[in-house]
């Protein structure tokens, strides 16, 4: 049985991705961009999203964190989702759960 060092492998993969991103950008390509929407102040969600932001930084990606208080309306949140869908600079986004019941 062979034990693997997950943290070391993760760092190696991030370094490989960062090198690829640097090469793409050097050739005039677009830097990947991940946006995250975080509603409220759930501790686990905040930790998870912070990890995504940190991983983006390590990989050479651009990241945007959009925060709303728990009283955000459904209409406001859906408008932001539409905006991100239409933003050519954003390659992907997450809406972090949990969301308010309303």
C-alpha atoms as a PDB file:
ATOM      1  CA  UNK A   1       0.000   0.000   0.000  1.00  0.00           C
ATOM      2  CA  UNK A   2       1.262   3.434  -0.924  1.00  0.00           C
ATOM      3  CA  UNK A   3       0.305   6.481   1.087  1.00  0.00           C
ATOM      4  CA  UNK A   4      -0.017   9.732  -0.768  1.00  0.00           C
ATOM      5  CA  UNK A   5       0.398  13.218   0.616  1.00  0.00           C
ATOM      6  CA  UNK A   6      -2.829  14.934  -0.432  1.00  0.00           C
ATOM      7  CA  UNK A   7      -1.669  18.418   0.556  1.00  0.00           C
ATOM      8  CA  UNK A   8       1.554  18.080  -1.422  1.00  0.00           C
ATOM      9  CA  UNK A   9      -0.277  16.783  -4.484  1.00  0.00           C
ATOM     10  CA  UNK A  10      -2.832  19.588  -4.203  1.00  0.00           C
ATOM     11  CA  UNK A  11      -0.062  22.195  -4.098  1.00  0.00           C
ATOM     12  CA  UNK A  12       1.656  20.575  -7.087  1.00  0.00           C
ATOM     13  CA  UNK A  13      -1.566  20.657  -9.122  1.00  0.00           C
ATOM     14  CA  UNK A  14      -2.150  24.314  -8.183  1.00  0.00           C
ATOM     15  CA  UNK A  15       1.405  25.173  -9.291  1.00  0.00           C
ATOM     16  CA  UNK A  16       0.837  23.375 -12.608  1.00  0.00           C
ATOM     17  CA  UNK A  17      -2.424  25.257 -13.153  1.00  0.00           C
ATOM     18  CA  UNK A  18      -0.753  28.571 -12.244  1.00  0.00           C
ATOM     19  CA  UNK A  19       1.989  27.894 -14.808  1.00  0.00           C
ATOM     20  CA  UNK A  20      -0.635  27.163 -17.482  1.00  0.00           C
ATOM     21  CA  UNK A  21      -2.554  30.332 -16.608  1.00  0.00           C
ATOM     22  CA  UNK A  22       0.644  32.401 -16.744  1.00  0.00           C
ATOM     23  CA  UNK A  23       1.392  30.969 -20.182  1.00  0.00           C
ATOM     24  CA  UNK A  24      -2.129  31.718 -21.429  1.00  0.00           C
ATOM     25  CA  UNK A  25      -1.957  35.288 -20.132  1.00  0.00           C
ATOM     26  CA  UNK A  26       1.545  35.787 -21.584  1.00  0.00           C
ATOM     27  CA  UNK A  27       0.162  34.791 -25.003  1.00  0.00           C
ATOM     28  CA  UNK A  28      -2.529  37.455 -24.638  1.00  0.00           C
ATOM     29  CA  UNK A  29      -5.237  35.142 -23.385  1.00  0.00           C
ATOM     30  CA  UNK A  30      -7.815  35.844 -20.725  1.00  0.00           C
ATOM     31  CA  UNK A  31      -7.157  35.154 -17.051  1.00  0.00           C
ATOM     32  CA  UNK A  32      -9.839  32.769 -15.690  1.00  0.00           C
ATOM     33  CA  UNK A  33     -12.324  34.452 -13.365  1.00  0.00           C
ATOM     34  CA  UNK A  34     -14.467  32.816 -10.673  1.00  0.00           C
ATOM     35  CA  UNK A  35     -17.119  34.802  -8.806  1.00  0.00           C
ATOM     36  CA  UNK A  36     -18.805  33.705  -5.594  1.00  0.00           C
ATOM     37  CA  UNK A  37     -22.034  34.982  -4.082  1.00  0.00           C
ATOM     38  CA  UNK A  38     -22.258  34.661  -0.308  1.00  0.00           C
ATOM     39  CA  UNK A  39     -25.482  35.517   1.506  1.00  0.00           C
ATOM     40  CA  UNK A  40     -25.563  36.010   5.272  1.00  0.00           C
ATOM     41  CA  UNK A  41     -22.915  34.991   7.773  1.00  0.00           C
ATOM     42  CA  UNK A  42     -22.832  31.196   7.930  1.00  0.00           C
ATOM     43  CA  UNK A  43     -19.406  30.325   9.344  1.00  0.00           C
ATOM     44  CA  UNK A  44     -18.937  27.165   7.299  1.00  0.00           C
ATOM     45  CA  UNK A  45     -19.920  28.940   4.094  1.00  0.00           C
ATOM     46  CA  UNK A  46     -17.561  31.813   4.803  1.00  0.00           C
ATOM     47  CA  UNK A  47     -14.699  29.377   5.367  1.00  0.00           C
ATOM     48  CA  UNK A  48     -15.519  27.435   2.185  1.00  0.00           C
ATOM     49  CA  UNK A  49     -15.690  30.564   0.015  1.00  0.00           C
ATOM     50  CA  UNK A  50     -12.485  31.957   1.555  1.00  0.00           C
ATOM     51  CA  UNK A  51     -10.806  28.695   0.544  1.00  0.00           C
ATOM     52  CA  UNK A  52     -12.023  29.145  -3.036  1.00  0.00           C
ATOM     53  CA  UNK A  53     -10.686  32.705  -3.135  1.00  0.00           C
ATOM     54  CA  UNK A  54      -7.326  31.505  -1.805  1.00  0.00           C
ATOM     55  CA  UNK A  55      -7.211  28.637  -4.337  1.00  0.00           C
ATOM     56  CA  UNK A  56      -7.960  31.082  -7.169  1.00  0.00           C
ATOM     57  CA  UNK A  57      -5.068  33.251  -6.039  1.00  0.00           C
ATOM     58  CA  UNK A  58      -2.730  30.244  -5.928  1.00  0.00           C
ATOM     59  CA  UNK A  59      -3.775  29.201  -9.439  1.00  0.00           C
ATOM     60  CA  UNK A  60      -3.469  32.668 -10.947  1.00  0.00           C
ATOM     61  CA  UNK A  61      -7.217  33.095 -11.389  1.00  0.00           C
ATOM     62  CA  UNK A  62      -9.109  36.297 -10.796  1.00  0.00           C
ATOM     63  CA  UNK A  63     -11.798  35.977  -8.133  1.00  0.00           C
ATOM     64  CA  UNK A  64     -14.657  38.170  -7.015  1.00  0.00           C
ATOM     65  CA  UNK A  65     -16.576  37.771  -3.771  1.00  0.00           C
ATOM     66  CA  UNK A  66     -20.064  39.287  -3.759  1.00  0.00           C
ATOM     67  CA  UNK A  67     -21.595  39.532  -0.305  1.00  0.00           C
ATOM     68  CA  UNK A  68     -25.188  40.145   0.663  1.00  0.00           C
ATOM     69  CA  UNK A  69     -26.833  40.350   4.049  1.00  0.00           C
ATOM     70  CA  UNK A  70     -29.445  37.710   4.893  1.00  0.00           C
ATOM     71  CA  UNK A  71     -32.245  40.171   4.145  1.00  0.00           C
ATOM     72  CA  UNK A  72     -31.369  40.388   0.429  1.00  0.00           C
ATOM     73  CA  UNK A  73     -34.449  39.985  -1.729  1.00  0.00           C
ATOM     74  CA  UNK A  74     -34.880  37.129  -4.156  1.00  0.00           C
ATOM     75  CA  UNK A  75     -35.158  39.703  -6.942  1.00  0.00           C
ATOM     76  CA  UNK A  76     -31.801  41.301  -6.019  1.00  0.00           C
ATOM     77  CA  UNK A  77     -30.079  37.931  -5.892  1.00  0.00           C
ATOM     78  CA  UNK A  78     -31.539  36.765  -9.200  1.00  0.00           C
ATOM     79  CA  UNK A  79     -30.556  40.073 -10.819  1.00  0.00           C
ATOM     80  CA  UNK A  80     -26.944  39.481  -9.734  1.00  0.00           C
ATOM     81  CA  UNK A  81     -27.048  35.926 -11.109  1.00  0.00           C
ATOM     82  CA  UNK A  82     -28.291  37.297 -14.462  1.00  0.00           C
ATOM     83  CA  UNK A  83     -25.566  39.946 -14.407  1.00  0.00           C
ATOM     84  CA  UNK A  84     -22.853  37.350 -13.804  1.00  0.00           C
ATOM     85  CA  UNK A  85     -24.280  35.108 -16.547  1.00  0.00           C
ATOM     86  CA  UNK A  86     -23.992  38.000 -19.000  1.00  0.00           C
ATOM     87  CA  UNK A  87     -20.532  39.161 -17.880  1.00  0.00           C
ATOM     88  CA  UNK A  88     -17.999  37.982 -20.480  1.00  0.00           C
ATOM     89  CA  UNK A  89     -15.184  38.417 -17.937  1.00  0.00           C
ATOM     90  CA  UNK A  90     -16.685  35.830 -15.537  1.00  0.00           C
ATOM     91  CA  UNK A  91     -15.990  32.214 -16.501  1.00  0.00           C
ATOM     92  CA  UNK A  92     -17.926  30.639 -13.654  1.00  0.00           C
ATOM     93  CA  UNK A  93     -19.649  31.477 -10.422  1.00  0.00           C
ATOM     94  CA  UNK A  94     -21.063  29.816  -7.354  1.00  0.00           C
ATOM     95  CA  UNK A  95     -24.014  30.788  -5.206  1.00  0.00           C
ATOM     96  CA  UNK A  96     -22.983  29.451  -1.827  1.00  0.00           C
ATOM     97  CA  UNK A  97     -25.582  27.631   0.220  1.00  0.00           C
ATOM     98  CA  UNK A  98     -27.378  27.901   2.545  1.00  0.00           C
ATOM     99  CA  UNK A  99     -29.598  30.728   1.349  1.00  0.00           C
ATOM    100  CA  UNK A 100     -32.232  32.456   3.497  1.00  0.00           C
ATOM    101  CA  UNK A 101     -35.597  30.699   3.581  1.00  0.00           C
ATOM    102  CA  UNK A 102     -37.314  33.574   1.776  1.00  0.00           C
END
